Each structure stands twice: as structure tokens, then as C-alpha cells.
Amino acid sequence: MNMPQVDTYGTQQPIALLKLLLERGGCYDRGKDLNWKNMRDIGYIAAMGKAGGGRNETDPRFVSLFSVFNMTFPSEESLFLIYNSILSGHCPGHVWGHSRHCVHYHQDDYGSLQ
């Protein structure tokens, strides 16, 4: 949600369109008559990161339309447990014993890339 470039008026056009859709329950048709289109029974979910590194601040009035949850990145031990459980659940018995080593190898490899 915080990727759109800020224009000269300080707004983000895709965010303004989404805000209209969420607040008013619809949007205008792009035809020359500009008819209003109501949209019903639609659920919305969004994700965003902290501002910085090419990501812009998002309008707080837009963010207030959502329930906001903050999720921190899991620890190394939690990641190992998650990936090891997935890998050992999908591997046959003779490969299952090597899943720990495979997960450790990939975690070390990923850590060296950061």
C-alpha cells in the first residue's frame, strides 16, 4: 500500500481510488457518463512495510479504514521449526532425517545474502 509515488498535491492516486472505494462503497465508471457503480459483499486485506527504501508514507486517513496488525520477523529458531516441520511433513521416511541439515544449510545461505 505504501509504494505509489506521491504527486505534486501530496496524494497517491491509487490510494485515493481505494479510499473512495472503501469509504463510499463504489467508484465511477470510466465511460463518458461517469455513472456510479456500487460494489457490495467485497472483503479487503492489505499489506505494507515501513516507509523508507522506496516506500512512501501512506495517508493516515486511509490506514484508519483498516484494522492494523504489526508482525515482527520471526527468530532463527522459529524459522527453523517452521521450515523443518514443512519439509519433514512432505519428505519420505529415508529423506526425513536429512531435513534438519537442509534447513540449516538454506538458513545459513540466506543469512550470507543479507
PDB file of N, CA and C in Angstrom:
ATOM      1  N   MET A   1       0.803  -1.192   0.000  1.00  0.00           N
ATOM      2  CA  MET A   1       0.000   0.000   0.000  1.00  0.00           C
ATOM      3  C   MET A   1       0.850   1.263   0.000  1.00  0.00           C
ATOM      4  N   ASN A   2       2.089   1.187   0.419  1.00  0.00           N
ATOM      5  CA  ASN A   2       2.871   2.414   0.510  1.00  0.00           C
ATOM      6  C   ASN A   2       3.877   2.551  -0.626  1.00  0.00           C
ATOM      7  N   MET A   3       3.612   1.936  -1.770  1.00  0.00           N
ATOM      8  CA  MET A   3       4.504   2.041  -2.909  1.00  0.00           C
ATOM      9  C   MET A   3       4.185   3.201  -3.861  1.00  0.00           C
ATOM     10  N   PRO A   4       2.926   3.636  -4.050  1.00  0.00           N
ATOM     11  CA  PRO A   4       2.631   4.650  -5.069  1.00  0.00           C
ATOM     12  C   PRO A   4       3.392   5.951  -4.836  1.00  0.00           C
ATOM     13  N   GLN A   5       3.818   6.524  -5.943  1.00  0.00           N
ATOM     14  CA  GLN A   5       4.556   7.784  -5.881  1.00  0.00           C
ATOM     15  C   GLN A   5       3.622   8.925  -5.486  1.00  0.00           C
ATOM     16  N   VAL A   6       4.117   9.821  -4.659  1.00  0.00           N
ATOM     17  CA  VAL A   6       3.340  10.970  -4.217  1.00  0.00           C
ATOM     18  C   VAL A   6       3.370  12.021  -5.319  1.00  0.00           C
ATOM     19  N   ASP A   7       2.177  12.558  -5.690  1.00  0.00           N
ATOM     20  CA  ASP A   7       2.125  13.563  -6.762  1.00  0.00           C
ATOM     21  C   ASP A   7       2.353  14.965  -6.190  1.00  0.00           C
ATOM     22  N   THR A   8       2.234  15.980  -7.032  1.00  0.00           N
ATOM     23  CA  THR A   8       2.534  17.359  -6.629  1.00  0.00           C
ATOM     24  C   THR A   8       1.575  17.875  -5.554  1.00  0.00           C
ATOM     25  N   TYR A   9       0.393  17.277  -5.423  1.00  0.00           N
ATOM     26  CA  TYR A   9      -0.588  17.706  -4.421  1.00  0.00           C
ATOM     27  C   TYR A   9      -0.461  16.934  -3.112  1.00  0.00           C
ATOM     28  N   GLY A  10       0.514  16.028  -3.026  1.00  0.00           N
ATOM     29  CA  GLY A  10       0.720  15.248  -1.813  1.00  0.00           C
ATOM     30  C   GLY A  10      -0.175  14.033  -1.687  1.00  0.00           C
ATOM     31  N   THR A  11      -0.837  13.656  -2.777  1.00  0.00           N
ATOM     32  CA  THR A  11      -1.712  12.479  -2.738  1.00  0.00           C
ATOM     33  C   THR A  11      -1.085  11.345  -3.541  1.00  0.00           C
ATOM     34  N   GLN A  12      -1.604  10.164  -3.333  1.00  0.00           N
ATOM     35  CA  GLN A  12      -1.208   8.984  -4.094  1.00  0.00           C
ATOM     36  C   GLN A  12      -2.460   8.501  -4.811  1.00  0.00           C
ATOM     37  N   GLN A  13      -2.477   8.598  -6.133  1.00  0.00           N
ATOM     38  CA  GLN A  13      -3.695   8.349  -6.898  1.00  0.00           C
ATOM     39  C   GLN A  13      -4.294   6.957  -6.676  1.00  0.00           C
ATOM     40  N   PRO A  14      -3.497   5.861  -6.687  1.00  0.00           N
ATOM     41  CA  PRO A  14      -4.123   4.549  -6.422  1.00  0.00           C
ATOM     42  C   PRO A  14      -4.739   4.464  -5.023  1.00  0.00           C
ATOM     43  N   ILE A  15      -4.102   5.112  -4.048  1.00  0.00           N
ATOM     44  CA  ILE A  15      -4.634   5.109  -2.690  1.00  0.00           C
ATOM     45  C   ILE A  15      -5.926   5.925  -2.628  1.00  0.00           C
ATOM     46  N   ALA A  16      -5.986   7.029  -3.363  1.00  0.00           N
ATOM     47  CA  ALA A  16      -7.205   7.844  -3.389  1.00  0.00           C
ATOM     48  C   ALA A  16      -8.370   7.044  -3.981  1.00  0.00           C
ATOM     49  N   LEU A  17      -8.094   6.245  -5.008  1.00  0.00           N
ATOM     50  CA  LEU A  17      -9.136   5.410  -5.598  1.00  0.00           C
ATOM     51  C   LEU A  17      -9.597   4.344  -4.613  1.00  0.00           C
ATOM     52  N   LEU A  18      -8.665   3.697  -3.927  1.00  0.00           N
ATOM     53  CA  LEU A  18      -9.038   2.691  -2.936  1.00  0.00           C
ATOM     54  C   LEU A  18      -9.804   3.305  -1.769  1.00  0.00           C
ATOM     55  N   LYS A  19      -9.418   4.504  -1.369  1.00  0.00           N
ATOM     56  CA  LYS A  19     -10.109   5.197  -0.275  1.00  0.00           C
ATOM     57  C   LYS A  19     -11.553   5.483  -0.673  1.00  0.00           C
ATOM     58  N   LEU A  20     -11.770   5.932  -1.904  1.00  0.00           N
ATOM     59  CA  LEU A  20     -13.120   6.167  -2.406  1.00  0.00           C
ATOM     60  C   LEU A  20     -13.928   4.870  -2.393  1.00  0.00           C
ATOM     61  N   LEU A  21     -13.316   3.801  -2.833  1.00  0.00           N
ATOM     62  CA  LEU A  21     -13.988   2.502  -2.883  1.00  0.00           C
ATOM     63  C   LEU A  21     -14.378   2.025  -1.489  1.00  0.00           C
ATOM     64  N   LEU A  22     -13.489   2.194  -0.518  1.00  0.00           N
ATOM     65  CA  LEU A  22     -13.774   1.732   0.841  1.00  0.00           C
ATOM     66  C   LEU A  22     -14.773   2.633   1.563  1.00  0.00           C
ATOM     67  N   GLU A  23     -14.626   3.943   1.431  1.00  0.00           N
ATOM     68  CA  GLU A  23     -15.494   4.873   2.158  1.00  0.00           C
ATOM     69  C   GLU A  23     -16.896   4.957   1.573  1.00  0.00           C
ATOM     70  N   ARG A  24     -16.994   4.969   0.262  1.00  0.00           N
ATOM     71  CA  ARG A  24     -18.290   5.185  -0.391  1.00  0.00           C
ATOM     72  C   ARG A  24     -18.929   3.908  -0.924  1.00  0.00           C
ATOM     73  N   GLY A  25     -18.178   2.795  -0.931  1.00  0.00           N
ATOM     74  CA  GLY A  25     -18.741   1.532  -1.382  1.00  0.00           C
ATOM     75  C   GLY A  25     -18.868   1.401  -2.880  1.00  0.00           C
ATOM     76  N   GLY A  26     -18.057   2.116  -3.632  1.00  0.00           N
ATOM     77  CA  GLY A  26     -18.099   2.025  -5.088  1.00  0.00           C
ATOM     78  C   GLY A  26     -17.165   3.017  -5.729  1.00  0.00           C
ATOM     79  N   CYS A  27     -17.277   3.146  -7.054  1.00  0.00           N
ATOM     80  CA  CYS A  27     -16.460   4.101  -7.790  1.00  0.00           C
ATOM     81  C   CYS A  27     -17.188   4.475  -9.088  1.00  0.00           C
ATOM     82  N   TYR A  28     -16.663   5.452  -9.766  1.00  0.00           N
ATOM     83  CA  TYR A  28     -17.272   5.924 -11.012  1.00  0.00           C
ATOM     84  C   TYR A  28     -16.816   5.074 -12.185  1.00  0.00           C
ATOM     85  N   ASP A  29     -17.732   4.834 -13.116  1.00  0.00           N
ATOM     86  CA  ASP A  29     -17.429   4.129 -14.357  1.00  0.00           C
ATOM     87  C   ASP A  29     -16.567   5.033 -15.229  1.00  0.00           C
ATOM     88  N   ARG A  30     -15.669   4.451 -16.006  1.00  0.00           N
ATOM     89  CA  ARG A  30     -14.763   5.255 -16.821  1.00  0.00           C
ATOM     90  C   ARG A  30     -15.382   5.734 -18.124  1.00  0.00           C
ATOM     91  N   GLY A  31     -16.612   5.388 -18.381  1.00  0.00           N
ATOM     92  CA  GLY A  31     -17.286   5.856 -19.594  1.00  0.00           C
ATOM     93  C   GLY A  31     -17.518   7.357 -19.554  1.00  0.00           C
ATOM     94  N   LYS A  32     -18.013   7.929 -20.645  1.00  0.00           N
ATOM     95  CA  LYS A  32     -18.170   9.383 -20.696  1.00  0.00           C
ATOM     96  C   LYS A  32     -19.299   9.900 -19.810  1.00  0.00           C
ATOM     97  N   ASP A  33     -20.222   9.013 -19.380  1.00  0.00           N
ATOM     98  CA  ASP A  33     -21.305   9.432 -18.499  1.00  0.00           C
ATOM     99  C   ASP A  33     -20.899   9.459 -17.028  1.00  0.00           C
ATOM    100  N   LEU A  34     -19.799   8.803 -16.668  1.00  0.00           N
ATOM    101  CA  LEU A  34     -19.324   8.712 -15.285  1.00  0.00           C
ATOM    102  C   LEU A  34     -20.412   8.230 -14.323  1.00  0.00           C
ATOM    103  N   ASN A  35     -21.013   7.116 -14.662  1.00  0.00           N
ATOM    104  CA  ASN A  35     -22.039   6.522 -13.805  1.00  0.00           C
ATOM    105  C   ASN A  35     -21.402   5.928 -12.558  1.00  0.00           C
ATOM    106  N   TRP A  36     -22.106   6.033 -11.423  1.00  0.00           N
ATOM    107  CA  TRP A  36     -21.623   5.475 -10.161  1.00  0.00           C
ATOM    108  C   TRP A  36     -21.885   3.973 -10.134  1.00  0.00           C
ATOM    109  N   LYS A  37     -20.882   3.189  -9.758  1.00  0.00           N
ATOM    110  CA  LYS A  37     -21.004   1.732  -9.654  1.00  0.00           C
ATOM    111  C   LYS A  37     -20.873   1.331  -8.189  1.00  0.00           C
ATOM    112  N   ASN A  38     -21.932   0.798  -7.610  1.00  0.00           N
ATOM    113  CA  ASN A  38     -21.884   0.285  -6.236  1.00  0.00           C
ATOM    114  C   ASN A  38     -21.249  -1.089  -6.241  1.00  0.00           C
ATOM    115  N   MET A  39     -20.401  -1.347  -5.262  1.00  0.00           N
ATOM    116  CA  MET A  39     -19.774  -2.655  -5.116  1.00  0.00           C
ATOM    117  C   MET A  39     -20.103  -3.169  -3.727  1.00  0.00           C
ATOM    118  N   ARG A  40     -20.645  -4.382  -3.662  1.00  0.00           N
ATOM    119  CA  ARG A  40     -21.103  -4.935  -2.391  1.00  0.00           C
ATOM    120  C   ARG A  40     -20.464  -6.288  -2.137  1.00  0.00           C
ATOM    121  N   ASP A  41     -20.498  -6.693  -0.880  1.00  0.00           N
ATOM    122  CA  ASP A  41     -20.004  -8.010  -0.449  1.00  0.00           C
ATOM    123  C   ASP A  41     -18.571  -8.262  -0.887  1.00  0.00           C
ATOM    124  N   ILE A  42     -17.709  -7.289  -0.665  1.00  0.00           N
ATOM    125  CA  ILE A  42     -16.294  -7.412  -1.005  1.00  0.00           C
ATOM    126  C   ILE A  42     -15.494  -7.254   0.285  1.00  0.00           C
ATOM    127  N   GLY A  43     -14.570  -8.165   0.523  1.00  0.00           N
ATOM    128  CA  GLY A  43     -13.668  -8.071   1.668  1.00  0.00           C
ATOM    129  C   GLY A  43     -12.318  -7.537   1.207  1.00  0.00           C
ATOM    130  N   TYR A  44     -11.669  -6.764   2.031  1.00  0.00           N
ATOM    131  CA  TYR A  44     -10.392  -6.154   1.674  1.00  0.00           C
ATOM    132  C   TYR A  44      -9.327  -6.568   2.669  1.00  0.00           C
ATOM    133  N   ILE A  45      -8.141  -6.842   2.165  1.00  0.00           N
ATOM    134  CA  ILE A  45      -6.976  -7.105   3.000  1.00  0.00           C
ATOM    135  C   ILE A  45      -5.800  -6.437   2.314  1.00  0.00           C
ATOM    136  N   ALA A  46      -4.911  -5.864   3.091  1.00  0.00           N
ATOM    137  CA  ALA A  46      -3.784  -5.133   2.520  1.00  0.00           C
ATOM    138  C   ALA A  46      -2.541  -5.379   3.361  1.00  0.00           C
ATOM    139  N   ALA A  47      -1.387  -5.109   2.779  1.00  0.00           N
ATOM    140  CA  ALA A  47      -0.116  -5.248   3.485  1.00  0.00           C
ATOM    141  C   ALA A  47       0.788  -4.090   3.106  1.00  0.00           C
ATOM    142  N   MET A  48       1.634  -3.706   4.038  1.00  0.00           N
ATOM    143  CA  MET A  48       2.586  -2.644   3.764  1.00  0.00           C
ATOM    144  C   MET A  48       3.772  -2.784   4.703  1.00  0.00           C
ATOM    145  N   GLY A  49       4.880  -2.188   4.308  1.00  0.00           N
ATOM    146  CA  GLY A  49       6.081  -2.184   5.128  1.00  0.00           C
ATOM    147  C   GLY A  49       6.335  -0.792   5.666  1.00  0.00           C
ATOM    148  N   LYS A  50       7.384  -0.675   6.466  1.00  0.00           N
ATOM    149  CA  LYS A  50       7.752   0.633   6.984  1.00  0.00           C
ATOM    150  C   LYS A  50       8.180   1.532   5.839  1.00  0.00           C
ATOM    151  N   ALA A  51       7.930   2.821   5.965  1.00  0.00           N
ATOM    152  CA  ALA A  51       8.351   3.776   4.938  1.00  0.00           C
ATOM    153  C   ALA A  51       9.874   3.831   4.902  1.00  0.00           C
ATOM    154  N   GLY A  52      10.395   4.045   3.703  1.00  0.00           N
ATOM    155  CA  GLY A  52      11.840   4.097   3.506  1.00  0.00           C
ATOM    156  C   GLY A  52      12.261   3.068   2.485  1.00  0.00           C
ATOM    157  N   GLY A  53      13.377   3.321   1.813  1.00  0.00           N
ATOM    158  CA  GLY A  53      13.852   2.375   0.803  1.00  0.00           C
ATOM    159  C   GLY A  53      12.942   2.301  -0.403  1.00  0.00           C
ATOM    160  N   GLY A  54      12.377   3.425  -0.823  1.00  0.00           N
ATOM    161  CA  GLY A  54      11.485   3.451  -1.974  1.00  0.00           C
ATOM    162  C   GLY A  54      10.012   3.376  -1.606  1.00  0.00           C
ATOM    163  N   ARG A  55       9.709   3.110  -0.347  1.00  0.00           N
ATOM    164  CA  ARG A  55       8.307   3.062   0.091  1.00  0.00           C
ATOM    165  C   ARG A  55       7.959   4.408   0.721  1.00  0.00           C
ATOM    166  N   ASN A  56       6.817   4.932   0.343  1.00  0.00           N
ATOM    167  CA  ASN A  56       6.366   6.231   0.843  1.00  0.00           C
ATOM    168  C   ASN A  56       5.429   6.068   2.027  1.00  0.00           C
ATOM    169  N   GLU A  57       5.288   7.149   2.793  1.00  0.00           N
ATOM    170  CA  GLU A  57       4.293   7.167   3.873  1.00  0.00           C
ATOM    171  C   GLU A  57       2.900   7.070   3.245  1.00  0.00           C
ATOM    172  N   THR A  58       2.014   6.376   3.930  1.00  0.00           N
ATOM    173  CA  THR A  58       0.637   6.239   3.467  1.00  0.00           C
ATOM    174  C   THR A  58      -0.250   7.187   4.263  1.00  0.00           C
ATOM    175  N   ASP A  59      -1.272   7.704   3.600  1.00  0.00           N
ATOM    176  CA  ASP A  59      -2.202   8.633   4.225  1.00  0.00           C
ATOM    177  C   ASP A  59      -2.813   7.997   5.477  1.00  0.00           C
ATOM    178  N   PRO A  60      -2.647   8.611   6.653  1.00  0.00           N
ATOM    179  CA  PRO A  60      -3.205   8.021   7.871  1.00  0.00           C
ATOM    180  C   PRO A  60      -4.728   7.898   7.847  1.00  0.00           C
ATOM    181  N   ARG A  61      -5.402   8.763   7.088  1.00  0.00           N
ATOM    182  CA  ARG A  61      -6.865   8.642   6.980  1.00  0.00           C
ATOM    183  C   ARG A  61      -7.247   7.376   6.225  1.00  0.00           C
ATOM    184  N   PHE A  62      -6.396   6.954   5.284  1.00  0.00           N
ATOM    185  CA  PHE A  62      -6.647   5.712   4.558  1.00  0.00           C
ATOM    186  C   PHE A  62      -6.351   4.509   5.457  1.00  0.00           C
ATOM    187  N   VAL A  63      -5.253   4.551   6.181  1.00  0.00           N
ATOM    188  CA  VAL A  63      -4.880   3.442   7.062  1.00  0.00           C
ATOM    189  C   VAL A  63      -5.920   3.256   8.161  1.00  0.00           C
ATOM    190  N   SER A  64      -6.580   4.343   8.574  1.00  0.00           N
ATOM    191  CA  SER A  64      -7.581   4.243   9.641  1.00  0.00           C
ATOM    192  C   SER A  64      -8.814   3.446   9.220  1.00  0.00           C
ATOM    193  N   LEU A  65      -8.966   3.165   7.942  1.00  0.00           N
ATOM    194  CA  LEU A  65     -10.096   2.367   7.466  1.00  0.00           C
ATOM    195  C   LEU A  65      -9.891   0.874   7.699  1.00  0.00           C
ATOM    196  N   PHE A  66      -8.685   0.483   8.113  1.00  0.00           N
ATOM    197  CA  PHE A  66      -8.335  -0.919   8.322  1.00  0.00           C
ATOM    198  C   PHE A  66      -8.076  -1.193   9.802  1.00  0.00           C
ATOM    199  N   SER A  67      -8.173  -2.457  10.182  1.00  0.00           N
ATOM    200  CA  SER A  67      -7.646  -2.901  11.471  1.00  0.00           C
ATOM    201  C   SER A  67      -6.172  -3.206  11.236  1.00  0.00           C
ATOM    202  N   VAL A  68      -5.293  -2.585  11.980  1.00  0.00           N
ATOM    203  CA  VAL A  68      -3.856  -2.676  11.723  1.00  0.00           C
ATOM    204  C   VAL A  68      -3.209  -3.632  12.712  1.00  0.00           C
ATOM    205  N   PHE A  69      -2.418  -4.562  12.190  1.00  0.00           N
ATOM    206  CA  PHE A  69      -1.661  -5.513  12.996  1.00  0.00           C
ATOM    207  C   PHE A  69      -0.193  -5.395  12.614  1.00  0.00           C
ATOM    208  N   ASN A  70       0.677  -5.446  13.602  1.00  0.00           N
ATOM    209  CA  ASN A  70       2.117  -5.402  13.358  1.00  0.00           C
ATOM    210  C   ASN A  70       2.696  -6.785  13.594  1.00  0.00           C
ATOM    211  N   MET A  71       3.433  -7.283  12.617  1.00  0.00           N
ATOM    212  CA  MET A  71       4.070  -8.584  12.749  1.00  0.00           C
ATOM    213  C   MET A  71       5.568  -8.411  12.594  1.00  0.00           C
ATOM    214  N   THR A  72       6.313  -8.831  13.592  1.00  0.00           N
ATOM    215  CA  THR A  72       7.762  -8.770  13.507  1.00  0.00           C
ATOM    216  C   THR A  72       8.281 -10.027  12.819  1.00  0.00           C
ATOM    217  N   PHE A  73       9.494  -9.941  12.297  1.00  0.00           N
ATOM    218  CA  PHE A  73      10.087 -11.092  11.622  1.00  0.00           C
ATOM    219  C   PHE A  73      10.413 -12.160  12.661  1.00  0.00           C
ATOM    220  N   PRO A  74      10.130 -13.444  12.382  1.00  0.00           N
ATOM    221  CA  PRO A  74      10.384 -14.493  13.372  1.00  0.00           C
ATOM    222  C   PRO A  74      11.887 -14.712  13.616  1.00  0.00           C
ATOM    223  N   SER A  75      12.208 -15.274  14.770  1.00  0.00           N
ATOM    224  CA  SER A  75      13.600 -15.555  15.118  1.00  0.00           C
ATOM    225  C   SER A  75      14.126 -16.717  14.279  1.00  0.00           C
ATOM    226  N   GLU A  76      15.445 -16.932  14.343  1.00  0.00           N
ATOM    227  CA  GLU A  76      16.077 -18.038  13.607  1.00  0.00           C
ATOM    228  C   GLU A  76      15.507 -19.388  14.055  1.00  0.00           C
ATOM    229  N   GLU A  77      15.307 -19.535  15.362  1.00  0.00           N
ATOM    230  CA  GLU A  77      14.778 -20.796  15.888  1.00  0.00           C
ATOM    231  C   GLU A  77      13.356 -21.052  15.396  1.00  0.00           C
ATOM    232  N   SER A  78      12.538 -20.006  15.368  1.00  0.00           N
ATOM    233  CA  SER A  78      11.160 -20.153  14.882  1.00  0.00           C
ATOM    234  C   SER A  78      11.143 -20.506  13.400  1.00  0.00           C
ATOM    235  N   LEU A  79      11.995 -19.847  12.619  1.00  0.00           N
ATOM    236  CA  LEU A  79      12.069 -20.165  11.189  1.00  0.00           C
ATOM    237  C   LEU A  79      12.508 -21.603  10.972  1.00  0.00           C
ATOM    238  N   PHE A  80      13.490 -22.055  11.757  1.00  0.00           N
ATOM    239  CA  PHE A  80      13.943 -23.439  11.630  1.00  0.00           C
ATOM    240  C   PHE A  80      12.800 -24.400  11.924  1.00  0.00           C
ATOM    241  N   LEU A  81      12.066 -24.156  12.992  1.00  0.00           N
ATOM    242  CA  LEU A  81      10.959 -25.038  13.356  1.00  0.00           C
ATOM    243  C   LEU A  81       9.880 -25.061  12.278  1.00  0.00           C
ATOM    244  N   ILE A  82       9.559 -23.889  11.721  1.00  0.00           N
ATOM    245  CA  ILE A  82       8.540 -23.806  10.663  1.00  0.00           C
ATOM    246  C   ILE A  82       8.972 -24.576   9.430  1.00  0.00           C
ATOM    247  N   TYR A  83      10.166 -24.273   8.919  1.00  0.00           N
ATOM    248  CA  TYR A  83      10.625 -24.911   7.680  1.00  0.00           C
ATOM    249  C   TYR A  83      10.920 -26.395   7.869  1.00  0.00           C
ATOM    250  N   ASN A  84      11.453 -26.765   9.009  1.00  0.00           N
ATOM    251  CA  ASN A  84      11.736 -28.171   9.262  1.00  0.00           C
ATOM    252  C   ASN A  84      10.438 -28.971   9.347  1.00  0.00           C
ATOM    253  N   SER A  85       9.403 -28.413   9.966  1.00  0.00           N
ATOM    254  CA  SER A  85       8.112 -29.107  10.050  1.00  0.00           C
ATOM    255  C   SER A  85       7.497 -29.292   8.669  1.00  0.00           C
ATOM    256  N   ILE A  86       7.585 -28.265   7.838  1.00  0.00           N
ATOM    257  CA  ILE A  86       7.036 -28.361   6.480  1.00  0.00           C
ATOM    258  C   ILE A  86       7.797 -29.396   5.670  1.00  0.00           C
ATOM    259  N   LEU A  87       9.123 -29.317   5.715  1.00  0.00           N
ATOM    260  CA  LEU A  87       9.944 -30.218   4.907  1.00  0.00           C
ATOM    261  C   LEU A  87       9.815 -31.658   5.368  1.00  0.00           C
ATOM    262  N   SER A  88       9.832 -31.900   6.668  1.00  0.00           N
ATOM    263  CA  SER A  88       9.726 -33.281   7.151  1.00  0.00           C
ATOM    264  C   SER A  88       8.325 -33.850   6.937  1.00  0.00           C
ATOM    265  N   GLY A  89       7.319 -33.007   6.846  1.00  0.00           N
ATOM    266  CA  GLY A  89       5.971 -33.497   6.567  1.00  0.00           C
ATOM    267  C   GLY A  89       5.768 -33.904   5.122  1.00  0.00           C
ATOM    268  N   HIS A  90       6.597 -33.361   4.219  1.00  0.00           N
ATOM    269  CA  HIS A  90       6.442 -33.662   2.795  1.00  0.00           C
ATOM    270  C   HIS A  90       7.465 -34.664   2.276  1.00  0.00           C
ATOM    271  N   CYS A  91       8.448 -35.018   3.087  1.00  0.00           N
ATOM    272  CA  CYS A  91       9.504 -35.923   2.620  1.00  0.00           C
ATOM    273  C   CYS A  91       9.230 -37.349   3.070  1.00  0.00           C
ATOM    274  N   PRO A  92       9.638 -38.324   2.245  1.00  0.00           N
ATOM    275  CA  PRO A  92       9.509 -39.724   2.668  1.00  0.00           C
ATOM    276  C   PRO A  92      10.451 -40.023   3.847  1.00  0.00           C
ATOM    277  N   GLY A  93      10.266 -41.162   4.481  1.00  0.00           N
ATOM    278  CA  GLY A  93      10.992 -41.518   5.694  1.00  0.00           C
ATOM    279  C   GLY A  93      12.496 -41.470   5.587  1.00  0.00           C
ATOM    280  N   HIS A  94      13.078 -41.966   4.485  1.00  0.00           N
ATOM    281  CA  HIS A  94      14.538 -42.003   4.381  1.00  0.00           C
ATOM    282  C   HIS A  94      15.141 -40.616   4.150  1.00  0.00           C
ATOM    283  N   VAL A  95      14.362 -39.670   3.665  1.00  0.00           N
ATOM    284  CA  VAL A  95      14.855 -38.311   3.440  1.00  0.00           C
ATOM    285  C   VAL A  95      14.609 -37.444   4.671  1.00  0.00           C
ATOM    286  N   TRP A  96      13.641 -37.831   5.504  1.00  0.00           N
ATOM    287  CA  TRP A  96      13.241 -37.028   6.646  1.00  0.00           C
ATOM    288  C   TRP A  96      14.406 -36.713   7.576  1.00  0.00           C
ATOM    289  N   GLY A  97      15.326 -37.657   7.757  1.00  0.00           N
ATOM    290  CA  GLY A  97      16.468 -37.444   8.645  1.00  0.00           C
ATOM    291  C   GLY A  97      17.403 -36.344   8.175  1.00  0.00           C
ATOM    292  N   HIS A  98      17.388 -36.039   6.893  1.00  0.00           N
ATOM    293  CA  HIS A  98      18.273 -35.005   6.341  1.00  0.00           C
ATOM    294  C   HIS A  98      17.610 -33.634   6.280  1.00  0.00           C
ATOM    295  N   SER A  99      16.357 -33.533   6.644  1.00  0.00           N
ATOM    296  CA  SER A  99      15.652 -32.258   6.519  1.00  0.00           C
ATOM    297  C   SER A  99      16.261 -31.192   7.425  1.00  0.00           C
ATOM    298  N   ARG A 100      16.708 -31.593   8.629  1.00  0.00           N
ATOM    299  CA  ARG A 100      17.343 -30.626   9.548  1.00  0.00           C
ATOM    300  C   ARG A 100      18.565 -29.979   8.905  1.00  0.00           C
ATOM    301  N   HIS A 101      19.402 -30.816   8.293  1.00  0.00           N
ATOM    302  CA  HIS A 101      20.620 -30.303   7.673  1.00  0.00           C
ATOM    303  C   HIS A 101      20.291 -29.394   6.492  1.00  0.00           C
ATOM    304  N   CYS A 102      19.283 -29.764   5.743  1.00  0.00           N
ATOM    305  CA  CYS A 102      18.871 -28.976   4.579  1.00  0.00           C
ATOM    306  C   CYS A 102      18.362 -27.600   5.014  1.00  0.00           C
ATOM    307  N   VAL A 103      17.563 -27.566   6.071  1.00  0.00           N
ATOM    308  CA  VAL A 103      17.029 -26.292   6.559  1.00  0.00           C
ATOM    309  C   VAL A 103      18.156 -25.420   7.105  1.00  0.00           C
ATOM    310  N   HIS A 104      19.088 -26.012   7.879  1.00  0.00           N
ATOM    311  CA  HIS A 104      20.223 -25.241   8.399  1.00  0.00           C
ATOM    312  C   HIS A 104      21.062 -24.675   7.257  1.00  0.00           C
ATOM    313  N   TYR A 105      21.292 -25.488   6.219  1.00  0.00           N
ATOM    314  CA  TYR A 105      22.082 -25.038   5.078  1.00  0.00           C
ATOM    315  C   TYR A 105      21.418 -23.839   4.404  1.00  0.00           C
ATOM    316  N   HIS A 106      20.130 -23.904   4.173  1.00  0.00           N
ATOM    317  CA  HIS A 106      19.440 -22.826   3.486  1.00  0.00           C
ATOM    318  C   HIS A 106      19.331 -21.574   4.355  1.00  0.00           C
ATOM    319  N   GLN A 107      19.193 -21.741   5.671  1.00  0.00           N
ATOM    320  CA  GLN A 107      19.180 -20.580   6.554  1.00  0.00           C
ATOM    321  C   GLN A 107      20.539 -19.876   6.548  1.00  0.00           C
ATOM    322  N   ASP A 108      21.627 -20.649   6.569  1.00  0.00           N
ATOM    323  CA  ASP A 108      22.971 -20.070   6.514  1.00  0.00           C
ATOM    324  C   ASP A 108      23.201 -19.366   5.181  1.00  0.00           C
ATOM    325  N   ASP A 109      22.716 -20.006   4.114  1.00  0.00           N
ATOM    326  CA  ASP A 109      22.862 -19.417   2.774  1.00  0.00           C
ATOM    327  C   ASP A 109      22.094 -18.113   2.670  1.00  0.00           C
ATOM    328  N   TYR A 110      20.871 -18.082   3.188  1.00  0.00           N
ATOM    329  CA  TYR A 110      20.066 -16.860   3.170  1.00  0.00           C
ATOM    330  C   TYR A 110      20.713 -15.771   4.029  1.00  0.00           C
ATOM    331  N   GLY A 111      21.260 -16.153   5.176  1.00  0.00           N
ATOM    332  CA  GLY A 111      21.918 -15.191   6.057  1.00  0.00           C
ATOM    333  C   GLY A 111      23.135 -14.553   5.416  1.00  0.00           C
ATOM    334  N   SER A 112      23.838 -15.294   4.569  1.00  0.00           N
ATOM    335  CA  SER A 112      25.014 -14.738   3.898  1.00  0.00           C
ATOM    336  C   SER A 112      24.632 -13.783   2.782  1.00  0.00           C
ATOM    337  N   LEU A 113      23.415 -13.868   2.279  1.00  0.00           N
ATOM    338  CA  LEU A 113      22.956 -12.979   1.210  1.00  0.00           C
ATOM    339  C   LEU A 113      22.457 -11.640   1.737  1.00  0.00           C
ATOM    340  N   GLN A 114      22.092 -11.583   3.004  1.00  0.00           N
ATOM    341  CA  GLN A 114      21.532 -10.339   3.550  1.00  0.00           C
ATOM    342  C   GLN A 114      22.601  -9.300   3.745  1.00  0.00           C
TER     343      GLN A 114
END
